[in-house]
Amino acid sequence: MFKRLDKDGRPFFATTVFELQQEAALSWYLTTEQKRQIAAGFYNYNRATRAFDPHPTRADEFAVTDKVDGQIKAIREWFQKP
């Protein structure tokens, strides 16, 4: 779904960048540990249980970090504007 049309009447969609705030492997193949490290940069990872925290209201999802949650909220707000 597009937010609006551009000046020429074509569908316009803005992109958003989610930056990982840590070093990560850049390869066609990632080990299980590398995948976990990348996911831990976006989701709340509990080191004591070695598991991702569940989402507070959606049992089939993990809880994202506060920074990512803020970015998602900003995108949602943008889409709801006329």
Protein backbone atom coordinates (compact mmCIF):
# COMPACT_ATOMS: atom_id res chain seq x y z
CA MET A 1 0.00 0.00 0.00
CA PHE A 2 1.37 3.39 -0.94
CA LYS A 3 1.10 6.45 1.26
CA ARG A 4 0.32 8.94 -1.48
CA LEU A 5 1.09 9.89 -5.05
CA ASP A 6 4.17 11.85 -6.02
CA LYS A 7 4.07 15.13 -7.99
CA ASP A 8 3.61 13.17 -11.24
CA GLY A 9 0.74 11.08 -9.87
CA ARG A 10 2.80 7.90 -9.41
CA PRO A 11 2.56 5.85 -6.20
CA PHE A 12 5.12 7.04 -3.67
CA PHE A 13 6.60 4.96 -0.87
CA ALA A 14 9.27 6.09 1.58
CA THR A 15 11.88 3.69 2.89
CA THR A 16 13.16 3.39 6.44
CA VAL A 17 16.53 2.17 7.58
CA PHE A 18 16.88 0.00 10.66
CA GLU A 19 20.51 0.13 11.73
CA LEU A 20 22.12 -2.55 13.83
CA GLN A 21 24.10 -0.87 16.62
CA GLN A 22 26.79 -3.53 16.73
CA GLU A 23 29.19 -5.34 14.45
CA ALA A 24 27.70 -8.14 12.37
CA ALA A 25 28.95 -10.69 9.88
CA LEU A 26 28.27 -9.83 6.26
CA SER A 27 28.26 -13.10 4.40
CA TRP A 28 26.04 -15.26 2.23
CA TYR A 29 26.17 -17.84 5.00
CA LEU A 30 25.69 -17.05 8.68
CA THR A 31 26.24 -19.47 11.51
CA THR A 32 23.48 -19.99 14.07
CA GLU A 33 25.42 -17.83 16.54
CA GLN A 34 25.86 -15.00 14.00
CA LYS A 35 22.12 -15.07 13.25
CA ARG A 36 21.39 -14.90 16.98
CA GLN A 37 23.75 -11.95 17.41
CA ILE A 38 22.04 -10.01 14.62
CA ALA A 39 18.57 -10.81 15.94
CA ALA A 40 19.68 -9.74 19.43
CA GLY A 41 20.34 -6.28 18.00
CA PHE A 42 16.67 -5.90 17.08
CA TYR A 43 14.86 -8.01 19.68
CA ASN A 44 15.09 -8.09 23.48
CA TYR A 45 17.48 -10.95 24.22
CA ASN A 46 17.59 -12.36 27.73
CA ARG A 47 21.14 -13.54 28.36
CA ALA A 48 20.15 -15.44 31.52
CA THR A 49 17.64 -17.66 29.71
CA ARG A 50 19.48 -17.47 26.36
CA ALA A 51 16.17 -16.72 24.66
CA PHE A 52 14.35 -13.78 23.13
CA ASP A 53 11.69 -12.14 25.29
CA PRO A 54 8.14 -12.79 24.07
CA HIS A 55 6.05 -9.92 22.76
CA PRO A 56 3.77 -8.65 25.56
CA THR A 57 0.54 -9.04 23.55
CA ARG A 58 1.34 -11.28 20.56
CA ALA A 59 2.44 -14.74 21.65
CA ASP A 60 3.85 -15.67 18.24
CA GLU A 61 6.28 -12.70 18.14
CA PHE A 62 9.34 -11.52 20.06
CA ALA A 63 9.61 -8.16 21.82
CA VAL A 64 11.70 -5.63 19.86
CA THR A 65 14.17 -3.23 21.47
CA ASP A 66 12.95 0.22 22.51
CA LYS A 67 14.82 1.85 19.60
CA VAL A 68 13.24 -0.44 17.00
CA ASP A 69 9.83 -0.04 18.66
CA GLY A 70 10.16 3.74 18.32
CA GLN A 71 11.01 3.43 14.63
CA ILE A 72 8.02 1.15 14.03
CA LYS A 73 5.70 3.57 15.85
CA ALA A 74 7.00 6.47 13.73
CA ILE A 75 6.28 4.51 10.53
CA ARG A 76 2.76 3.67 11.73
CA GLU A 77 2.09 7.32 12.56
CA TRP A 78 3.36 8.41 9.15
CA PHE A 79 1.04 5.96 7.37
CA GLN A 80 -1.96 7.22 9.30
CA LYS A 81 -1.44 10.86 8.30
CA PRO A 82 -3.53 12.13 5.38
